[in-house]
């Protein structure tokens, strides 16, 4: 049994991770810490565990094996490095940090202290992605030429009830979040296209602020891959009814995903018609992979390369948008290989 502490209820998915941890027979939630004491005390009470106001006491506790970090993103670096230096395993929410340099510093502490770090990238465990990766790897689509991926919702669309949309207002705090739609919701199309397209050469990004909320609420990123293929990443907080879309085009086939519906057309399938394939079963969640890595040493499917390169595309796109230029990933000093 692994004893864990929950560090902050700041993130919207904190409750989901607490629920998943509670349902996992290998995890026992022992205590809560929160930078907002009132929020933390209430959460601890709901979970039936203790509240600790001093983070150092949590990290010093030899009975705590791991931490689930759902603080504001700008606190990730200091808290995760401190946790690693105290020998605690770490589960957290994307993104790991604002810059590649910060990611590398975190990973150095994790490696030095021999602890397991997991950043949850949930769509990499889902059936539609697993099939898409299989189709690409098996050459079903021929040479990849273009990828488009869109994930968007209407969280910043004003209504009578919520004049600034239904997202938590702290999601518009650039200091805490590091950005808006792209760094949050855009993470999903970024890590998906990183996997499917391979090594990224350069990006050109436009982060737009339609409603002037303090962060981008609509964003698009053009990606150039080392292979010569191109990609388009789209996200935003301003779209009503927008389904998740993934389109992969190649010299010998096309794969289309809308929500969870997958169809494929390929020279290798013996028909010119669209085919609805049988999808593989989803793999273990990020939290389950984290637990297994700690228990058995099994290497997680979500890798440090996934984690670093998610930040890299965000960082490069933000620079591109601010400076109005194409940004090569080699400028960011990435040590990992994509």
C-alpha atoms as a PDB file:
ATOM      1  CA  UNK A   1       0.000   0.000   0.000  1.00  0.00           C
ATOM      2  CA  UNK A   2       1.325   3.431  -0.965  1.00  0.00           C
ATOM      3  CA  UNK A   3       0.504   6.316   1.368  1.00  0.00           C
ATOM      4  CA  UNK A   4      -0.012   9.589  -0.474  1.00  0.00           C
ATOM      5  CA  UNK A   5      -0.611  13.245   0.329  1.00  0.00           C
ATOM      6  CA  UNK A   6      -2.797  15.450  -1.840  1.00  0.00           C
ATOM      7  CA  UNK A   7      -1.079  18.761  -2.537  1.00  0.00           C
ATOM      8  CA  UNK A   8      -3.686  21.464  -3.318  1.00  0.00           C
ATOM      9  CA  UNK A   9      -7.180  21.480  -4.759  1.00  0.00           C
ATOM     10  CA  UNK A  10      -6.314  24.356  -7.109  1.00  0.00           C
ATOM     11  CA  UNK A  11      -6.675  22.338 -10.321  1.00  0.00           C
ATOM     12  CA  UNK A  12     -10.093  21.384 -11.695  1.00  0.00           C
ATOM     13  CA  UNK A  13      -9.015  17.721 -11.906  1.00  0.00           C
ATOM     14  CA  UNK A  14      -7.867  17.492  -8.280  1.00  0.00           C
ATOM     15  CA  UNK A  15     -11.185  15.950  -7.232  1.00  0.00           C
ATOM     16  CA  UNK A  16     -10.986  13.397 -10.061  1.00  0.00           C
ATOM     17  CA  UNK A  17      -7.500  12.298  -8.997  1.00  0.00           C
ATOM     18  CA  UNK A  18      -8.555  12.045  -5.364  1.00  0.00           C
ATOM     19  CA  UNK A  19     -11.440   9.819  -6.450  1.00  0.00           C
ATOM     20  CA  UNK A  20      -9.185   7.629  -8.602  1.00  0.00           C
ATOM     21  CA  UNK A  21      -6.662   7.321  -5.781  1.00  0.00           C
ATOM     22  CA  UNK A  22      -9.445   6.369  -3.359  1.00  0.00           C
ATOM     23  CA  UNK A  23     -10.658   3.666  -5.747  1.00  0.00           C
ATOM     24  CA  UNK A  24      -7.147   2.261  -6.287  1.00  0.00           C
ATOM     25  CA  UNK A  25      -6.486  -0.565  -3.812  1.00  0.00           C
ATOM     26  CA  UNK A  26      -2.747   0.202  -3.857  1.00  0.00           C
ATOM     27  CA  UNK A  27      -3.163   3.842  -2.737  1.00  0.00           C
ATOM     28  CA  UNK A  28      -4.173   5.269   0.633  1.00  0.00           C
ATOM     29  CA  UNK A  29      -4.744   9.033   0.961  1.00  0.00           C
ATOM     30  CA  UNK A  30      -3.317  10.117   4.319  1.00  0.00           C
ATOM     31  CA  UNK A  31      -3.376  13.896   4.355  1.00  0.00           C
ATOM     32  CA  UNK A  32      -4.103  17.112   2.452  1.00  0.00           C
ATOM     33  CA  UNK A  33      -2.016  20.254   2.106  1.00  0.00           C
ATOM     34  CA  UNK A  34      -3.308  23.360   0.345  1.00  0.00           C
ATOM     35  CA  UNK A  35      -1.929  26.867  -0.057  1.00  0.00           C
ATOM     36  CA  UNK A  36      -5.514  27.964   0.602  1.00  0.00           C
ATOM     37  CA  UNK A  37      -6.053  26.740   4.154  1.00  0.00           C
ATOM     38  CA  UNK A  38      -9.844  27.050   4.160  1.00  0.00           C
ATOM     39  CA  UNK A  39     -10.103  25.054   0.933  1.00  0.00           C
ATOM     40  CA  UNK A  40      -7.669  22.440   2.185  1.00  0.00           C
ATOM     41  CA  UNK A  41      -9.395  21.945   5.542  1.00  0.00           C
ATOM     42  CA  UNK A  42     -12.745  21.485   3.821  1.00  0.00           C
ATOM     43  CA  UNK A  43     -11.312  19.000   1.318  1.00  0.00           C
ATOM     44  CA  UNK A  44      -9.605  16.986   4.048  1.00  0.00           C
ATOM     45  CA  UNK A  45     -12.882  16.891   5.962  1.00  0.00           C
ATOM     46  CA  UNK A  46     -14.744  15.618   2.875  1.00  0.00           C
ATOM     47  CA  UNK A  47     -12.129  12.894   2.397  1.00  0.00           C
ATOM     48  CA  UNK A  48     -11.984  11.972   6.074  1.00  0.00           C
ATOM     49  CA  UNK A  49      -8.226  12.600   6.365  1.00  0.00           C
ATOM     50  CA  UNK A  50      -6.008  15.065   8.225  1.00  0.00           C
ATOM     51  CA  UNK A  51      -5.082  18.546   7.000  1.00  0.00           C
ATOM     52  CA  UNK A  52      -1.501  19.795   7.336  1.00  0.00           C
ATOM     53  CA  UNK A  53      -0.799  23.508   6.833  1.00  0.00           C
ATOM     54  CA  UNK A  54       2.999  23.078   6.645  1.00  0.00           C
ATOM     55  CA  UNK A  55       4.164  21.549   3.364  1.00  0.00           C
ATOM     56  CA  UNK A  56       7.590  20.755   4.826  1.00  0.00           C
ATOM     57  CA  UNK A  57       5.983  18.596   7.508  1.00  0.00           C
ATOM     58  CA  UNK A  58       4.157  16.625   4.798  1.00  0.00           C
ATOM     59  CA  UNK A  59       7.369  16.086   2.835  1.00  0.00           C
ATOM     60  CA  UNK A  60       9.350  15.237   5.989  1.00  0.00           C
ATOM     61  CA  UNK A  61       6.833  12.566   7.014  1.00  0.00           C
ATOM     62  CA  UNK A  62       8.485   9.147   6.498  1.00  0.00           C
ATOM     63  CA  UNK A  63       5.029   7.515   6.280  1.00  0.00           C
ATOM     64  CA  UNK A  64       4.204   9.431   3.079  1.00  0.00           C
ATOM     65  CA  UNK A  65       5.420   7.551   0.011  1.00  0.00           C
ATOM     66  CA  UNK A  66       4.073   9.795  -2.729  1.00  0.00           C
ATOM     67  CA  UNK A  67       2.305  13.053  -3.529  1.00  0.00           C
ATOM     68  CA  UNK A  68      -0.404  14.004  -5.986  1.00  0.00           C
ATOM     69  CA  UNK A  69       0.394  17.567  -7.060  1.00  0.00           C
ATOM     70  CA  UNK A  70      -2.550  19.617  -8.342  1.00  0.00           C
ATOM     71  CA  UNK A  71      -1.269  23.061  -7.422  1.00  0.00           C
ATOM     72  CA  UNK A  72      -1.126  26.034  -9.778  1.00  0.00           C
ATOM     73  CA  UNK A  73       1.377  25.260 -12.537  1.00  0.00           C
ATOM     74  CA  UNK A  74       3.759  28.022 -11.431  1.00  0.00           C
ATOM     75  CA  UNK A  75       4.289  26.111  -8.159  1.00  0.00           C
ATOM     76  CA  UNK A  76       5.141  22.816  -9.885  1.00  0.00           C
ATOM     77  CA  UNK A  77       8.887  23.284 -10.154  1.00  0.00           C
ATOM     78  CA  UNK A  78       9.573  24.140  -6.516  1.00  0.00           C
ATOM     79  CA  UNK A  79       7.095  21.674  -5.029  1.00  0.00           C
ATOM     80  CA  UNK A  80       7.978  18.732  -7.280  1.00  0.00           C
ATOM     81  CA  UNK A  81      11.730  19.209  -6.809  1.00  0.00           C
ATOM     82  CA  UNK A  82      11.203  19.453  -3.035  1.00  0.00           C
ATOM     83  CA  UNK A  83       9.100  16.270  -3.100  1.00  0.00           C
ATOM     84  CA  UNK A  84      11.755  14.444  -5.135  1.00  0.00           C
ATOM     85  CA  UNK A  85      14.491  15.595  -2.763  1.00  0.00           C
ATOM     86  CA  UNK A  86      12.458  14.104   0.090  1.00  0.00           C
ATOM     87  CA  UNK A  87      12.239  10.783  -1.759  1.00  0.00           C
ATOM     88  CA  UNK A  88       8.536  11.069  -2.623  1.00  0.00           C
ATOM     89  CA  UNK A  89       7.050   9.676  -5.822  1.00  0.00           C
ATOM     90  CA  UNK A  90       5.102  12.301  -7.762  1.00  0.00           C
ATOM     91  CA  UNK A  91       1.892  12.273  -9.793  1.00  0.00           C
ATOM     92  CA  UNK A  92       0.825  15.549 -11.373  1.00  0.00           C
ATOM     93  CA  UNK A  93      -1.304  17.216 -14.034  1.00  0.00           C
ATOM     94  CA  UNK A  94      -0.096  18.656 -17.337  1.00  0.00           C
ATOM     95  CA  UNK A  95       1.900  20.705 -18.001  1.00  0.00           C
ATOM     96  CA  UNK A  96       4.933  19.810 -15.921  1.00  0.00           C
ATOM     97  CA  UNK A  97       6.446  23.311 -16.177  1.00  0.00           C
ATOM     98  CA  UNK A  98       6.420  26.449 -18.301  1.00  0.00           C
ATOM     99  CA  UNK A  99       9.808  25.958 -19.989  1.00  0.00           C
ATOM    100  CA  UNK A 100      12.001  23.123 -21.185  1.00  0.00           C
ATOM    101  CA  UNK A 101      14.737  24.351 -18.837  1.00  0.00           C
ATOM    102  CA  UNK A 102      12.402  24.005 -15.816  1.00  0.00           C
ATOM    103  CA  UNK A 103      11.351  20.534 -16.982  1.00  0.00           C
ATOM    104  CA  UNK A 104      14.977  19.457 -17.227  1.00  0.00           C
ATOM    105  CA  UNK A 105      15.663  20.741 -13.690  1.00  0.00           C
ATOM    106  CA  UNK A 106      12.700  18.769 -12.353  1.00  0.00           C
ATOM    107  CA  UNK A 107      13.731  15.611 -14.196  1.00  0.00           C
ATOM    108  CA  UNK A 108      17.283  15.926 -12.885  1.00  0.00           C
ATOM    109  CA  UNK A 109      15.946  15.945  -9.286  1.00  0.00           C
ATOM    110  CA  UNK A 110      13.642  13.010 -10.039  1.00  0.00           C
ATOM    111  CA  UNK A 111      16.505  10.993 -11.547  1.00  0.00           C
ATOM    112  CA  UNK A 112      18.948  11.889  -8.773  1.00  0.00           C
ATOM    113  CA  UNK A 113      16.518  10.737  -6.072  1.00  0.00           C
ATOM    114  CA  UNK A 114      15.332   7.639  -7.963  1.00  0.00           C
ATOM    115  CA  UNK A 115      11.624   8.463  -7.628  1.00  0.00           C
ATOM    116  CA  UNK A 116       8.799   7.937 -10.121  1.00  0.00           C
ATOM    117  CA  UNK A 117       7.249  10.989 -11.790  1.00  0.00           C
ATOM    118  CA  UNK A 118       4.008  10.738 -13.763  1.00  0.00           C
ATOM    119  CA  UNK A 119       2.387  13.615 -15.653  1.00  0.00           C
ATOM    120  CA  UNK A 120      -1.112  12.584 -16.650  1.00  0.00           C
ATOM    121  CA  UNK A 121      -1.616  12.692 -20.440  1.00  0.00           C
ATOM    122  CA  UNK A 122      -4.889  10.768 -20.573  1.00  0.00           C
ATOM    123  CA  UNK A 123      -5.597  10.564 -24.288  1.00  0.00           C
ATOM    124  CA  UNK A 124      -2.414   8.531 -24.812  1.00  0.00           C
ATOM    125  CA  UNK A 125      -4.187   5.672 -23.031  1.00  0.00           C
ATOM    126  CA  UNK A 126      -7.403   5.797 -25.083  1.00  0.00           C
ATOM    127  CA  UNK A 127      -8.562   3.422 -27.821  1.00  0.00           C
ATOM    128  CA  UNK A 128      -8.811   5.968 -30.658  1.00  0.00           C
ATOM    129  CA  UNK A 129      -5.203   7.073 -30.169  1.00  0.00           C
ATOM    130  CA  UNK A 130      -3.867   3.530 -29.814  1.00  0.00           C
ATOM    131  CA  UNK A 131      -5.485   2.588 -33.121  1.00  0.00           C
ATOM    132  CA  UNK A 132      -4.185   5.737 -34.838  1.00  0.00           C
ATOM    133  CA  UNK A 133      -0.647   5.012 -33.647  1.00  0.00           C
ATOM    134  CA  UNK A 134      -0.940   1.417 -34.825  1.00  0.00           C
ATOM    135  CA  UNK A 135      -2.162   2.554 -38.258  1.00  0.00           C
ATOM    136  CA  UNK A 136       0.756   4.976 -38.592  1.00  0.00           C
ATOM    137  CA  UNK A 137       3.356   2.475 -37.349  1.00  0.00           C
ATOM    138  CA  UNK A 138       2.131  -0.306 -39.650  1.00  0.00           C
ATOM    139  CA  UNK A 139       2.262   1.945 -42.711  1.00  0.00           C
ATOM    140  CA  UNK A 140      -1.481   1.789 -43.295  1.00  0.00           C
ATOM    141  CA  UNK A 141      -1.420   5.464 -44.325  1.00  0.00           C
ATOM    142  CA  UNK A 142       1.873   5.362 -46.248  1.00  0.00           C
ATOM    143  CA  UNK A 143       4.180   8.325 -45.684  1.00  0.00           C
ATOM    144  CA  UNK A 144       2.623  10.804 -43.267  1.00  0.00           C
ATOM    145  CA  UNK A 145       2.039  14.193 -44.882  1.00  0.00           C
ATOM    146  CA  UNK A 146      -0.317  16.142 -42.591  1.00  0.00           C
ATOM    147  CA  UNK A 147      -1.908  15.897 -39.143  1.00  0.00           C
ATOM    148  CA  UNK A 148      -4.692  18.070 -37.758  1.00  0.00           C
ATOM    149  CA  UNK A 149      -5.926  17.812 -34.184  1.00  0.00           C
ATOM    150  CA  UNK A 150      -8.547  19.978 -32.479  1.00  0.00           C
ATOM    151  CA  UNK A 151      -9.764  19.976 -28.872  1.00  0.00           C
ATOM    152  CA  UNK A 152     -11.920  22.920 -27.802  1.00  0.00           C
ATOM    153  CA  UNK A 153     -14.854  23.830 -25.559  1.00  0.00           C
ATOM    154  CA  UNK A 154     -16.931  26.874 -24.597  1.00  0.00           C
ATOM    155  CA  UNK A 155     -15.498  27.492 -21.121  1.00  0.00           C
ATOM    156  CA  UNK A 156     -14.895  31.218 -21.737  1.00  0.00           C
ATOM    157  CA  UNK A 157     -18.136  31.977 -23.574  1.00  0.00           C
ATOM    158  CA  UNK A 158     -20.091  34.467 -21.440  1.00  0.00           C
ATOM    159  CA  UNK A 159     -23.577  33.697 -20.181  1.00  0.00           C
ATOM    160  CA  UNK A 160     -26.039  35.340 -17.797  1.00  0.00           C
ATOM    161  CA  UNK A 161     -24.918  33.026 -14.993  1.00  0.00           C
ATOM    162  CA  UNK A 162     -21.201  33.346 -15.800  1.00  0.00           C
ATOM    163  CA  UNK A 163     -20.222  36.637 -17.483  1.00  0.00           C
ATOM    164  CA  UNK A 164     -16.650  35.285 -17.984  1.00  0.00           C
ATOM    165  CA  UNK A 165     -17.643  31.706 -18.795  1.00  0.00           C
ATOM    166  CA  UNK A 166     -17.834  28.572 -16.650  1.00  0.00           C
ATOM    167  CA  UNK A 167     -14.101  27.964 -16.228  1.00  0.00           C
ATOM    168  CA  UNK A 168     -12.664  28.730 -12.779  1.00  0.00           C
ATOM    169  CA  UNK A 169     -11.591  32.365 -12.734  1.00  0.00           C
ATOM    170  CA  UNK A 170      -8.039  31.470 -11.713  1.00  0.00           C
ATOM    171  CA  UNK A 171      -7.629  29.860 -15.153  1.00  0.00           C
ATOM    172  CA  UNK A 172      -7.250  33.451 -16.422  1.00  0.00           C
ATOM    173  CA  UNK A 173      -4.354  34.152 -14.052  1.00  0.00           C
ATOM    174  CA  UNK A 174      -1.375  34.102 -16.390  1.00  0.00           C
ATOM    175  CA  UNK A 175       1.142  34.087 -13.541  1.00  0.00           C
ATOM    176  CA  UNK A 176      -0.355  30.874 -12.104  1.00  0.00           C
ATOM    177  CA  UNK A 177      -1.280  29.139 -15.359  1.00  0.00           C
ATOM    178  CA  UNK A 178       1.426  30.335 -17.727  1.00  0.00           C
ATOM    179  CA  UNK A 179      -1.176  30.948 -20.418  1.00  0.00           C
ATOM    180  CA  UNK A 180      -4.713  30.056 -21.354  1.00  0.00           C
ATOM    181  CA  UNK A 181      -6.321  27.741 -23.890  1.00  0.00           C
ATOM    182  CA  UNK A 182      -3.139  26.402 -25.479  1.00  0.00           C
ATOM    183  CA  UNK A 183      -1.235  25.454 -22.323  1.00  0.00           C
ATOM    184  CA  UNK A 184      -4.362  23.934 -20.757  1.00  0.00           C
ATOM    185  CA  UNK A 185      -6.748  22.356 -23.258  1.00  0.00           C
ATOM    186  CA  UNK A 186      -4.258  22.530 -26.117  1.00  0.00           C
ATOM    187  CA  UNK A 187      -2.033  20.101 -24.241  1.00  0.00           C
ATOM    188  CA  UNK A 188      -4.139  17.216 -25.563  1.00  0.00           C
ATOM    189  CA  UNK A 189      -3.671  17.864 -29.302  1.00  0.00           C
ATOM    190  CA  UNK A 190      -0.026  18.761 -28.646  1.00  0.00           C
ATOM    191  CA  UNK A 191       0.970  15.486 -26.998  1.00  0.00           C
ATOM    192  CA  UNK A 192      -1.130  13.465 -29.457  1.00  0.00           C
ATOM    193  CA  UNK A 193       0.454  15.049 -32.533  1.00  0.00           C
ATOM    194  CA  UNK A 194       3.934  14.835 -30.945  1.00  0.00           C
ATOM    195  CA  UNK A 195       3.486  11.073 -30.736  1.00  0.00           C
ATOM    196  CA  UNK A 196       1.937  10.599 -34.164  1.00  0.00           C
ATOM    197  CA  UNK A 197       4.082  13.042 -36.140  1.00  0.00           C
ATOM    198  CA  UNK A 198       7.443  12.315 -34.548  1.00  0.00           C
ATOM    199  CA  UNK A 199      10.299  14.741 -34.011  1.00  0.00           C
ATOM    200  CA  UNK A 200       9.260  18.382 -34.381  1.00  0.00           C
ATOM    201  CA  UNK A 201      11.544  20.772 -36.242  1.00  0.00           C
ATOM    202  CA  UNK A 202       9.755  24.116 -35.839  1.00  0.00           C
ATOM    203  CA  UNK A 203       6.466  25.744 -34.899  1.00  0.00           C
ATOM    204  CA  UNK A 204       4.557  28.906 -35.779  1.00  0.00           C
ATOM    205  CA  UNK A 205       1.865  29.849 -33.292  1.00  0.00           C
ATOM    206  CA  UNK A 206      -0.892  32.408 -32.903  1.00  0.00           C
ATOM    207  CA  UNK A 207      -2.377  32.801 -29.426  1.00  0.00           C
ATOM    208  CA  UNK A 208      -5.450  35.035 -29.632  1.00  0.00           C
ATOM    209  CA  UNK A 209      -7.350  36.915 -26.899  1.00  0.00           C
ATOM    210  CA  UNK A 210     -10.827  37.507 -28.325  1.00  0.00           C
ATOM    211  CA  UNK A 211     -12.460  38.401 -25.007  1.00  0.00           C
ATOM    212  CA  UNK A 212      -9.370  40.006 -23.424  1.00  0.00           C
ATOM    213  CA  UNK A 213      -9.439  37.797 -20.332  1.00  0.00           C
ATOM    214  CA  UNK A 214      -5.712  38.085 -19.669  1.00  0.00           C
ATOM    215  CA  UNK A 215      -4.735  34.835 -21.420  1.00  0.00           C
ATOM    216  CA  UNK A 216      -5.278  33.289 -24.841  1.00  0.00           C
ATOM    217  CA  UNK A 217      -8.798  31.957 -25.372  1.00  0.00           C
ATOM    218  CA  UNK A 218      -8.241  30.705 -28.940  1.00  0.00           C
ATOM    219  CA  UNK A 219      -5.032  29.332 -30.431  1.00  0.00           C
ATOM    220  CA  UNK A 220      -3.590  27.631 -33.475  1.00  0.00           C
ATOM    221  CA  UNK A 221      -0.103  26.172 -33.952  1.00  0.00           C
ATOM    222  CA  UNK A 222       1.452  25.056 -37.241  1.00  0.00           C
ATOM    223  CA  UNK A 223       4.011  22.303 -36.766  1.00  0.00           C
ATOM    224  CA  UNK A 224       6.854  21.287 -39.084  1.00  0.00           C
ATOM    225  CA  UNK A 225       8.179  17.772 -38.527  1.00  0.00           C
ATOM    226  CA  UNK A 226      11.692  16.537 -39.228  1.00  0.00           C
ATOM    227  CA  UNK A 227      10.130  14.023 -41.631  1.00  0.00           C
ATOM    228  CA  UNK A 228       8.833  16.830 -43.860  1.00  0.00           C
ATOM    229  CA  UNK A 229       5.218  16.329 -42.764  1.00  0.00           C
ATOM    230  CA  UNK A 230       3.173  19.236 -41.452  1.00  0.00           C
ATOM    231  CA  UNK A 231       0.592  19.567 -38.711  1.00  0.00           C
ATOM    232  CA  UNK A 232      -2.021  21.904 -37.306  1.00  0.00           C
ATOM    233  CA  UNK A 233      -2.972  22.058 -33.633  1.00  0.00           C
ATOM    234  CA  UNK A 234      -6.192  23.885 -32.761  1.00  0.00           C
ATOM    235  CA  UNK A 235      -7.719  24.695 -29.401  1.00  0.00           C
ATOM    236  CA  UNK A 236      -9.861  27.261 -27.657  1.00  0.00           C
ATOM    237  CA  UNK A 237     -12.294  28.116 -24.894  1.00  0.00           C
ATOM    238  CA  UNK A 238     -14.845  29.662 -27.289  1.00  0.00           C
ATOM    239  CA  UNK A 239     -16.407  26.779 -29.239  1.00  0.00           C
ATOM    240  CA  UNK A 240     -19.888  25.444 -28.548  1.00  0.00           C
ATOM    241  CA  UNK A 241     -20.370  21.802 -29.528  1.00  0.00           C
ATOM    242  CA  UNK A 242     -16.870  21.345 -30.950  1.00  0.00           C
ATOM    243  CA  UNK A 243     -15.979  17.628 -30.980  1.00  0.00           C
ATOM    244  CA  UNK A 244     -12.470  16.301 -30.544  1.00  0.00           C
ATOM    245  CA  UNK A 245     -11.091  15.890 -34.059  1.00  0.00           C
ATOM    246  CA  UNK A 246      -8.003  14.060 -35.262  1.00  0.00           C
ATOM    247  CA  UNK A 247      -7.169  13.802 -38.969  1.00  0.00           C
ATOM    248  CA  UNK A 248      -4.097  12.005 -40.268  1.00  0.00           C
ATOM    249  CA  UNK A 249      -3.293  12.152 -43.981  1.00  0.00           C
ATOM    250  CA  UNK A 250      -0.741  10.037 -45.808  1.00  0.00           C
ATOM    251  CA  UNK A 251       0.291   8.985 -49.299  1.00  0.00           C
ATOM    252  CA  UNK A 252      -1.669   5.712 -49.033  1.00  0.00           C
ATOM    253  CA  UNK A 253      -4.483   6.443 -46.620  1.00  0.00           C
ATOM    254  CA  UNK A 254      -6.460   8.783 -44.377  1.00  0.00           C
ATOM    255  CA  UNK A 255      -7.642   8.315 -40.814  1.00  0.00           C
ATOM    256  CA  UNK A 256     -10.441  10.414 -39.304  1.00  0.00           C
ATOM    257  CA  UNK A 257     -11.465  10.613 -35.646  1.00  0.00           C
ATOM    258  CA  UNK A 258     -14.428  12.629 -34.381  1.00  0.00           C
ATOM    259  CA  UNK A 259     -15.017  12.301 -30.645  1.00  0.00           C
ATOM    260  CA  UNK A 260     -14.430   8.521 -30.256  1.00  0.00           C
ATOM    261  CA  UNK A 261     -15.624   7.543 -33.746  1.00  0.00           C
ATOM    262  CA  UNK A 262     -12.824   6.296 -35.996  1.00  0.00           C
ATOM    263  CA  UNK A 263     -12.875   5.618 -39.743  1.00  0.00           C
ATOM    264  CA  UNK A 264     -10.035   4.838 -42.083  1.00  0.00           C
ATOM    265  CA  UNK A 265      -9.488   4.624 -45.837  1.00  0.00           C
ATOM    266  CA  UNK A 266      -6.340   2.857 -47.036  1.00  0.00           C
ATOM    267  CA  UNK A 267      -4.857   1.236 -50.129  1.00  0.00           C
ATOM    268  CA  UNK A 268      -3.991  -1.696 -47.857  1.00  0.00           C
ATOM    269  CA  UNK A 269      -7.537  -2.595 -46.772  1.00  0.00           C
ATOM    270  CA  UNK A 270      -8.789  -4.079 -50.046  1.00  0.00           C
ATOM    271  CA  UNK A 271     -11.555  -1.523 -50.547  1.00  0.00           C
ATOM    272  CA  UNK A 272     -11.914   2.085 -51.677  1.00  0.00           C
ATOM    273  CA  UNK A 273     -14.618   2.664 -49.075  1.00  0.00           C
ATOM    274  CA  UNK A 274     -14.291   4.004 -45.531  1.00  0.00           C
ATOM    275  CA  UNK A 275     -13.750   1.262 -42.971  1.00  0.00           C
ATOM    276  CA  UNK A 276     -14.786   1.400 -39.302  1.00  0.00           C
ATOM    277  CA  UNK A 277     -11.993  -0.502 -37.560  1.00  0.00           C
ATOM    278  CA  UNK A 278     -12.146  -2.560 -34.391  1.00  0.00           C
ATOM    279  CA  UNK A 279     -10.357  -0.492 -31.770  1.00  0.00           C
ATOM    280  CA  UNK A 280      -7.909  -1.888 -29.211  1.00  0.00           C
ATOM    281  CA  UNK A 281      -8.772  -1.813 -25.533  1.00  0.00           C
ATOM    282  CA  UNK A 282      -7.552   1.258 -23.632  1.00  0.00           C
ATOM    283  CA  UNK A 283      -4.404   0.795 -21.592  1.00  0.00           C
ATOM    284  CA  UNK A 284      -3.911   1.564 -17.889  1.00  0.00           C
ATOM    285  CA  UNK A 285      -4.508   5.137 -16.756  1.00  0.00           C
ATOM    286  CA  UNK A 286      -1.624   7.428 -15.884  1.00  0.00           C
ATOM    287  CA  UNK A 287      -2.201   6.838 -12.174  1.00  0.00           C
ATOM    288  CA  UNK A 288      -2.257   3.055 -12.628  1.00  0.00           C
ATOM    289  CA  UNK A 289       0.962   3.255 -14.657  1.00  0.00           C
ATOM    290  CA  UNK A 290       2.524   5.356 -11.872  1.00  0.00           C
ATOM    291  CA  UNK A 291       1.626   2.771  -9.236  1.00  0.00           C
ATOM    292  CA  UNK A 292       2.924  -0.113 -11.337  1.00  0.00           C
ATOM    293  CA  UNK A 293       6.206   1.692 -12.013  1.00  0.00           C
ATOM    294  CA  UNK A 294       6.688   2.132  -8.260  1.00  0.00           C
ATOM    295  CA  UNK A 295       5.629  -1.426  -7.354  1.00  0.00           C
ATOM    296  CA  UNK A 296       7.269  -3.424 -10.114  1.00  0.00           C
ATOM    297  CA  UNK A 297       9.604  -1.076 -12.000  1.00  0.00           C
ATOM    298  CA  UNK A 298       7.486  -1.437 -15.155  1.00  0.00           C
ATOM    299  CA  UNK A 299       8.292   1.393 -17.546  1.00  0.00           C
ATOM    300  CA  UNK A 300       5.254   3.670 -18.068  1.00  0.00           C
ATOM    301  CA  UNK A 301       3.808   4.184 -21.543  1.00  0.00           C
ATOM    302  CA  UNK A 302       3.778   7.934 -20.835  1.00  0.00           C
ATOM    303  CA  UNK A 303       7.427   8.937 -21.068  1.00  0.00           C
ATOM    304  CA  UNK A 304       9.686  11.809 -20.084  1.00  0.00           C
ATOM    305  CA  UNK A 305       9.927  12.636 -23.788  1.00  0.00           C
ATOM    306  CA  UNK A 306       6.133  13.062 -23.934  1.00  0.00           C
ATOM    307  CA  UNK A 307       6.312  15.325 -20.894  1.00  0.00           C
ATOM    308  CA  UNK A 308       9.207  17.536 -22.039  1.00  0.00           C
ATOM    309  CA  UNK A 309       8.025  17.906 -25.604  1.00  0.00           C
ATOM    310  CA  UNK A 310       4.541  18.954 -24.475  1.00  0.00           C
ATOM    311  CA  UNK A 311       6.166  21.911 -22.717  1.00  0.00           C
ATOM    312  CA  UNK A 312       8.484  22.505 -25.690  1.00  0.00           C
ATOM    313  CA  UNK A 313       5.647  23.026 -28.179  1.00  0.00           C
ATOM    314  CA  UNK A 314       3.866  25.331 -25.728  1.00  0.00           C
ATOM    315  CA  UNK A 315       6.995  27.351 -25.063  1.00  0.00           C
ATOM    316  CA  UNK A 316       7.895  27.639 -28.746  1.00  0.00           C
ATOM    317  CA  UNK A 317       4.330  28.559 -29.766  1.00  0.00           C
ATOM    318  CA  UNK A 318       4.157  31.314 -27.130  1.00  0.00           C
ATOM    319  CA  UNK A 319       7.489  32.751 -28.322  1.00  0.00           C
ATOM    320  CA  UNK A 320       6.324  32.533 -31.936  1.00  0.00           C
ATOM    321  CA  UNK A 321       3.073  34.358 -31.193  1.00  0.00           C
ATOM    322  CA  UNK A 322       4.753  37.065 -29.110  1.00  0.00           C
ATOM    323  CA  UNK A 323       7.607  37.689 -31.547  1.00  0.00           C
ATOM    324  CA  UNK A 324       5.780  37.004 -34.813  1.00  0.00           C
ATOM    325  CA  UNK A 325       8.274  34.440 -36.081  1.00  0.00           C
ATOM    326  CA  UNK A 326       8.885  30.774 -36.731  1.00  0.00           C
ATOM    327  CA  UNK A 327      10.625  29.099 -33.762  1.00  0.00           C
ATOM    328  CA  UNK A 328      12.907  26.091 -34.145  1.00  0.00           C
ATOM    329  CA  UNK A 329      12.800  23.620 -31.262  1.00  0.00           C
ATOM    330  CA  UNK A 330      16.605  23.492 -31.260  1.00  0.00           C
ATOM    331  CA  UNK A 331      16.460  27.007 -29.708  1.00  0.00           C
ATOM    332  CA  UNK A 332      14.984  25.580 -26.482  1.00  0.00           C
ATOM    333  CA  UNK A 333      17.878  23.345 -25.462  1.00  0.00           C
ATOM    334  CA  UNK A 334      15.966  20.079 -25.280  1.00  0.00           C
ATOM    335  CA  UNK A 335      18.086  17.234 -23.871  1.00  0.00           C
ATOM    336  CA  UNK A 336      15.452  14.526 -24.360  1.00  0.00           C
ATOM    337  CA  UNK A 337      14.770  12.883 -27.695  1.00  0.00           C
ATOM    338  CA  UNK A 338      11.196  13.080 -29.006  1.00  0.00           C
END
